[in-house]
C-alpha atoms as a PDB file:
ATOM      1  CA  MET A   1     -11.373 -55.237 139.330  1.00  0.00           C
ATOM      2  CA  LEU A   2     -13.888 -52.963 140.998  1.00  0.00           C
ATOM      3  CA  THR A   3     -17.522 -52.189 140.336  1.00  0.00           C
ATOM      4  CA  LEU A   4     -18.728 -48.591 140.313  1.00  0.00           C
ATOM      5  CA  ARG A   5     -22.074 -47.405 141.672  1.00  0.00           C
ATOM      6  CA  ASP A   6     -23.621 -47.611 138.205  1.00  0.00           C
ATOM      7  CA  GLY A   7     -22.465 -51.241 137.807  1.00  0.00           C
ATOM      8  CA  THR A   8     -19.552 -50.513 135.457  1.00  0.00           C
ATOM      9  CA  ALA A   9     -16.546 -52.792 135.933  1.00  0.00           C
ATOM     10  CA  VAL A  10     -13.223 -50.959 136.084  1.00  0.00           C
ATOM     11  CA  GLN A  11      -9.734 -52.396 136.324  1.00  0.00           C
ATOM     12  CA  VAL A  12      -7.181 -50.344 138.287  1.00  0.00           C
ATOM     13  CA  ARG A  13      -3.513 -51.137 137.714  1.00  0.00           C
ATOM     14  CA  GLY A  14      -0.107 -49.543 137.742  1.00  0.00           C
ATOM     15  CA  MET A  15       0.725 -47.436 134.705  1.00  0.00           C
ATOM     16  CA  THR A  16       3.296 -48.777 132.245  1.00  0.00           C
ATOM     17  CA  PRO A  17       5.405 -47.123 129.542  1.00  0.00           C
ATOM     18  CA  GLU A  18       2.971 -48.520 126.936  1.00  0.00           C
ATOM     19  CA  ASP A  19       0.045 -46.549 128.395  1.00  0.00           C
ATOM     20  CA  GLY A  20       0.963 -43.289 126.650  1.00  0.00           C
ATOM     21  CA  PRO A  21      -1.720 -43.432 123.926  1.00  0.00           C
ATOM     22  CA  ALA A  22      -4.482 -44.439 126.368  1.00  0.00           C
ATOM     23  CA  LEU A  23      -3.422 -41.669 128.761  1.00  0.00           C
ATOM     24  CA  SER A  24      -3.451 -39.102 125.951  1.00  0.00           C
ATOM     25  CA  GLU A  25      -6.964 -40.203 124.999  1.00  0.00           C
ATOM     26  CA  LEU A  26      -8.062 -39.895 128.636  1.00  0.00           C
ATOM     27  CA  PHE A  27      -6.718 -36.359 128.979  1.00  0.00           C
ATOM     28  CA  ALA A  28      -8.303 -35.401 125.635  1.00  0.00           C
ATOM     29  CA  THR A  29     -11.657 -35.699 127.469  1.00  0.00           C
ATOM     30  CA  ALA A  30     -10.708 -32.918 129.905  1.00  0.00           C
ATOM     31  CA  THR A  31     -13.078 -29.972 129.997  1.00  0.00           C
ATOM     32  CA  ALA A  32     -11.894 -26.362 129.745  1.00  0.00           C
ATOM     33  CA  VAL A  33     -12.337 -26.060 133.530  1.00  0.00           C
ATOM     34  CA  ASP A  34     -10.259 -29.219 134.088  1.00  0.00           C
ATOM     35  CA  VAL A  35      -7.445 -27.910 131.910  1.00  0.00           C
ATOM     36  CA  ARG A  36      -7.517 -24.591 133.740  1.00  0.00           C
ATOM     37  CA  PHE A  37      -6.808 -26.251 137.110  1.00  0.00           C
ATOM     38  CA  LEU A  38      -4.383 -29.009 136.140  1.00  0.00           C
ATOM     39  CA  ARG A  39      -0.735 -28.480 137.011  1.00  0.00           C
ATOM     40  CA  ASP A  40       0.634 -29.721 133.701  1.00  0.00           C
ATOM     41  CA  ASP A  41      -0.189 -28.953 130.069  1.00  0.00           C
ATOM     42  CA  ILE A  42      -2.045 -32.164 129.246  1.00  0.00           C
ATOM     43  CA  ALA A  43      -2.819 -30.881 125.752  1.00  0.00           C
ATOM     44  CA  ASP A  44       0.872 -31.329 124.929  1.00  0.00           C
ATOM     45  CA  PRO A  45       1.367 -34.981 123.899  1.00  0.00           C
ATOM     46  CA  ALA A  46       5.054 -34.741 124.836  1.00  0.00           C
ATOM     47  CA  VAL A  47       4.118 -34.017 128.468  1.00  0.00           C
ATOM     48  CA  VAL A  48       1.847 -37.053 128.733  1.00  0.00           C
ATOM     49  CA  GLN A  49       4.260 -39.324 126.855  1.00  0.00           C
ATOM     50  CA  GLY A  50       7.076 -38.077 129.104  1.00  0.00           C
ATOM     51  CA  TRP A  51       5.209 -39.304 132.176  1.00  0.00           C
ATOM     52  CA  CYS A  52       5.024 -42.805 130.691  1.00  0.00           C
ATOM     53  CA  LYS A  53       8.634 -42.883 129.509  1.00  0.00           C
ATOM     54  CA  ALA A  54      10.074 -41.604 132.808  1.00  0.00           C
ATOM     55  CA  LEU A  55       8.255 -43.898 135.218  1.00  0.00           C
ATOM     56  CA  ASP A  56      10.062 -44.167 138.559  1.00  0.00           C
ATOM     57  CA  TYR A  57       7.832 -46.031 140.995  1.00  0.00           C
ATOM     58  CA  SER A  58      10.101 -45.091 143.910  1.00  0.00           C
ATOM     59  CA  ARG A  59       9.167 -41.415 143.379  1.00  0.00           C
ATOM     60  CA  VAL A  60       5.638 -41.587 141.917  1.00  0.00           C
ATOM     61  CA  LEU A  61       3.160 -44.448 141.820  1.00  0.00           C
ATOM     62  CA  PRO A  62       0.750 -43.802 138.925  1.00  0.00           C
ATOM     63  CA  LEU A  63      -2.436 -45.851 138.623  1.00  0.00           C
ATOM     64  CA  LEU A  64      -4.613 -46.188 135.541  1.00  0.00           C
ATOM     65  CA  ALA A  65      -8.329 -47.026 135.632  1.00  0.00           C
ATOM     66  CA  LEU A  66      -9.648 -48.880 132.595  1.00  0.00           C
ATOM     67  CA  ALA A  67     -13.218 -49.630 131.511  1.00  0.00           C
ATOM     68  CA  GLY A  68     -12.582 -52.265 128.869  1.00  0.00           C
ATOM     69  CA  ASP A  69      -9.700 -50.908 126.806  1.00  0.00           C
ATOM     70  CA  ARG A  70     -10.514 -47.266 127.539  1.00  0.00           C
ATOM     71  CA  ALA A  71      -8.604 -45.291 130.186  1.00  0.00           C
ATOM     72  CA  VAL A  72     -11.222 -43.527 132.327  1.00  0.00           C
ATOM     73  CA  GLY A  73      -9.133 -42.341 135.254  1.00  0.00           C
ATOM     74  CA  GLN A  74      -5.576 -41.738 136.391  1.00  0.00           C
ATOM     75  CA  ALA A  75      -4.295 -41.228 139.916  1.00  0.00           C
ATOM     76  CA  SER A  76      -0.824 -40.825 141.339  1.00  0.00           C
ATOM     77  CA  LEU A  77       0.860 -40.889 144.716  1.00  0.00           C
ATOM     78  CA  HIS A  78       3.968 -38.681 144.805  1.00  0.00           C
ATOM     79  CA  PHE A  79       6.356 -39.833 147.528  1.00  0.00           C
ATOM     80  CA  GLY A  80       8.123 -37.194 149.582  1.00  0.00           C
ATOM     81  CA  CYS A  81      11.853 -37.350 150.146  1.00  0.00           C
ATOM     82  CA  GLY A  82      14.276 -36.048 152.741  1.00  0.00           C
ATOM     83  CA  PRO A  83      12.351 -34.250 155.490  1.00  0.00           C
ATOM     84  CA  GLU A  84       9.064 -35.029 153.684  1.00  0.00           C
ATOM     85  CA  ARG A  85       9.710 -38.769 153.335  1.00  0.00           C
ATOM     86  CA  HIS A  86       6.796 -39.543 155.681  1.00  0.00           C
ATOM     87  CA  CYS A  87       4.314 -37.800 153.320  1.00  0.00           C
ATOM     88  CA  GLY A  88       2.760 -38.515 149.954  1.00  0.00           C
ATOM     89  CA  LYS A  89       0.753 -36.210 147.684  1.00  0.00           C
ATOM     90  CA  VAL A  90      -2.244 -37.444 145.723  1.00  0.00           C
ATOM     91  CA  ARG A  91      -3.456 -36.326 142.314  1.00  0.00           C
ATOM     92  CA  VAL A  92      -6.502 -37.703 140.516  1.00  0.00           C
ATOM     93  CA  PHE A  93      -8.142 -37.162 137.133  1.00  0.00           C
ATOM     94  CA  VAL A  94     -11.358 -38.881 136.058  1.00  0.00           C
ATOM     95  CA  ALA A  95     -12.961 -38.683 132.603  1.00  0.00           C
ATOM     96  CA  PRO A  96     -16.026 -36.404 132.736  1.00  0.00           C
ATOM     97  CA  ASP A  97     -18.438 -39.227 131.835  1.00  0.00           C
ATOM     98  CA  PHE A  98     -17.086 -41.341 134.726  1.00  0.00           C
ATOM     99  CA  ARG A  99     -17.506 -38.714 137.439  1.00  0.00           C
ATOM    100  CA  ARG A 100     -20.098 -39.026 140.199  1.00  0.00           C
ATOM    101  CA  CYS A 101     -20.066 -42.820 140.118  1.00  0.00           C
ATOM    102  CA  GLY A 102     -17.411 -43.378 142.786  1.00  0.00           C
ATOM    103  CA  LEU A 103     -14.320 -43.802 140.608  1.00  0.00           C
ATOM    104  CA  GLY A 104     -12.436 -40.802 142.038  1.00  0.00           C
ATOM    105  CA  THR A 105     -13.176 -41.983 145.567  1.00  0.00           C
ATOM    106  CA  ARG A 106     -11.995 -45.496 144.794  1.00  0.00           C
ATOM    107  CA  LEU A 107      -8.783 -44.164 143.236  1.00  0.00           C
ATOM    108  CA  VAL A 108      -8.049 -41.996 146.292  1.00  0.00           C
ATOM    109  CA  ASP A 109      -8.745 -44.985 148.551  1.00  0.00           C
ATOM    110  CA  ALA A 110      -6.313 -47.102 146.496  1.00  0.00           C
ATOM    111  CA  LEU A 111      -3.599 -44.449 146.875  1.00  0.00           C
ATOM    112  CA  VAL A 112      -4.235 -44.206 150.624  1.00  0.00           C
ATOM    113  CA  ASP A 113      -3.897 -48.002 150.845  1.00  0.00           C
ATOM    114  CA  VAL A 114      -0.538 -47.817 149.064  1.00  0.00           C
ATOM    115  CA  ALA A 115       0.562 -45.006 151.395  1.00  0.00           C
ATOM    116  CA  HIS A 116      -0.345 -47.228 154.385  1.00  0.00           C
ATOM    117  CA  GLN A 117       1.627 -50.123 152.905  1.00  0.00           C
ATOM    118  CA  ARG A 118       4.637 -47.853 152.354  1.00  0.00           C
ATOM    119  CA  GLY A 119       4.487 -46.720 155.986  1.00  0.00           C
ATOM    120  CA  LEU A 120       3.674 -43.090 155.246  1.00  0.00           C
ATOM    121  CA  GLU A 121       2.346 -40.907 158.035  1.00  0.00           C
ATOM    122  CA  PHE A 122       0.325 -38.440 155.934  1.00  0.00           C
ATOM    123  CA  VAL A 123      -1.345 -38.143 152.555  1.00  0.00           C
ATOM    124  CA  ILE A 124      -1.752 -34.594 151.236  1.00  0.00           C
ATOM    125  CA  ALA A 125      -4.049 -33.156 148.583  1.00  0.00           C
ATOM    126  CA  GLU A 126      -3.575 -29.674 147.143  1.00  0.00           C
ATOM    127  CA  VAL A 127      -6.802 -28.287 145.663  1.00  0.00           C
ATOM    128  CA  VAL A 128      -7.483 -24.944 144.006  1.00  0.00           C
ATOM    129  CA  SER A 129      -9.766 -23.381 146.621  1.00  0.00           C
ATOM    130  CA  GLU A 130     -12.613 -22.514 144.265  1.00  0.00           C
ATOM    131  CA  GLN A 131     -13.070 -26.243 143.583  1.00  0.00           C
ATOM    132  CA  ALA A 132     -15.196 -26.568 146.712  1.00  0.00           C
ATOM    133  CA  TRP A 133     -16.710 -29.872 145.595  1.00  0.00           C
ATOM    134  CA  LEU A 134     -13.233 -31.467 145.576  1.00  0.00           C
ATOM    135  CA  ILE A 135     -12.512 -30.107 149.038  1.00  0.00           C
ATOM    136  CA  ARG A 136     -15.827 -31.542 150.316  1.00  0.00           C
ATOM    137  CA  ALA A 137     -15.002 -34.900 148.717  1.00  0.00           C
ATOM    138  CA  GLY A 138     -11.634 -34.948 150.497  1.00  0.00           C
ATOM    139  CA  LEU A 139     -13.246 -34.131 153.825  1.00  0.00           C
ATOM    140  CA  ARG A 140     -15.696 -37.029 153.327  1.00  0.00           C
ATOM    141  CA  ARG A 141     -12.690 -39.365 152.771  1.00  0.00           C
ATOM    142  CA  GLY A 142     -11.147 -38.416 156.106  1.00  0.00           C
ATOM    143  CA  PHE A 143      -8.853 -35.604 154.988  1.00  0.00           C
ATOM    144  CA  LYS A 144      -8.656 -32.601 157.308  1.00  0.00           C
ATOM    145  CA  LEU A 145      -8.521 -28.994 156.207  1.00  0.00           C
ATOM    146  CA  CYS A 146      -5.057 -27.642 157.081  1.00  0.00           C
ATOM    147  CA  PHE A 147      -4.748 -24.179 155.552  1.00  0.00           C
ATOM    148  CA  SER A 148      -4.933 -22.158 152.356  1.00  0.00           C
ATOM    149  CA  LEU A 149      -2.107 -20.530 150.467  1.00  0.00           C
ATOM    150  CA  ALA A 150      -3.152 -17.253 148.871  1.00  0.00           C
ATOM    151  CA  ASP A 151      -2.345 -16.767 145.201  1.00  0.00           C
ATOM    152  CA  SER A 152      -0.149 -19.875 144.997  1.00  0.00           C
ATOM    153  CA  PHE A 153      -1.621 -21.392 141.801  1.00  0.00           C
ATOM    154  CA  MET A 154      -0.983 -19.414 138.628  1.00  0.00           C
ATOM    155  CA  LEU A 155      -3.274 -20.018 135.690  1.00  0.00           C
ATOM    156  CA  ARG A 156      -1.972 -19.932 132.134  1.00  0.00           C
ATOM    157  CA  ASP A 157      -3.299 -16.367 131.729  1.00  0.00           C
ATOM    158  CA  GLY A 158      -1.162 -15.210 134.675  1.00  0.00           C
ATOM    159  CA  SER A 159      -3.985 -14.759 137.173  1.00  0.00           C
ATOM    160  CA  THR A 160      -3.627 -16.540 140.516  1.00  0.00           C
ATOM    161  CA  ARG A 161      -5.871 -18.614 142.737  1.00  0.00           C
ATOM    162  CA  ASP A 162      -5.681 -19.770 146.336  1.00  0.00           C
ATOM    163  CA  VAL A 163      -4.818 -23.397 147.100  1.00  0.00           C
ATOM    164  CA  THR A 164      -6.340 -25.374 149.969  1.00  0.00           C
ATOM    165  CA  ILE A 165      -4.175 -28.034 151.605  1.00  0.00           C
ATOM    166  CA  LEU A 166      -5.941 -31.147 152.888  1.00  0.00           C
ATOM    167  CA  ARG A 167      -4.156 -33.853 154.867  1.00  0.00           C
ATOM    168  CA  LYS A 168      -5.112 -37.333 155.990  1.00  0.00           C
ATOM    169  CA  GLN A 169      -3.182 -38.753 158.934  1.00  0.00           C
ATOM    170  CA  LEU A 170      -2.450 -42.435 158.447  1.00  0.00           C
ATOM    171  CA  ARG A 171      -0.656 -43.137 161.728  1.00  0.00           C
ATOM    172  CA  PRO A 172       0.262 -41.163 164.830  1.00  0.00           C
ATOM    173  CA  PRO A 173       3.446 -39.070 164.550  1.00  0.00           C
ATOM    174  CA  GLY A 174       6.477 -41.180 165.417  1.00  0.00           C
ATOM    175  CA  ALA A 175       4.478 -44.437 165.536  1.00  0.00           C
ATOM    176  CA  GLU A 176       5.780 -47.520 163.788  1.00  0.00           C
ATOM    177  CA  PRO A 177       4.506 -48.089 160.238  1.00  0.00           C
ATOM    178  CA  GLY A 178       1.357 -50.166 160.282  1.00  0.00           C
ATOM    179  CA  THR A 179      -0.094 -48.313 163.281  1.00  0.00           C
ATOM    180  CA  ALA A 180      -3.273 -46.706 161.939  1.00  0.00           C
ATOM    181  CA  THR A 181      -5.083 -43.747 163.462  1.00  0.00           C
ATOM    182  CA  ARG A 182      -8.765 -43.952 164.290  1.00  0.00           C
ATOM    183  CA  GLU A 183      -9.585 -42.158 161.013  1.00  0.00           C
ATOM    184  CA  GLY A 184      -6.849 -43.990 159.084  1.00  0.00           C
END
């Protein structure tokens, strides 16, 4: 259980196959701007239900944030494999009425903690470049700006946007798991 800046108590736990309806309700709160920049079609109930039915915690660790019985946030850590097995990618969605109270930050911190525990070297966030406020939030959490990829995010209308890659180093390259960096 954690307490947000406004005093609201929120439980953060691993997602389960039974969380489909709560997750659908959470994504129903997405604004038009949110929907525009999300990778998946969250308006399609089959997409959201598919995430819950196909849980594989060795590939993706999804977390759900609950205020009472209501899902107010979802975050996931996507584990790399093969030559990217030392990296994890983070994704976070917070209900509009729960933004700016620290929930997104706490969810990212929880994912970074899991990445540390799993012995990952880096955590990566991919952000559509025009979402400057998300980039600033990542920088405040210790992520470093790596580079931008021009025209690498295609919107549903076919237009493209640049993507900014942010990375947080959790341990020095080649160091044993559990060896944190100064920022880590």
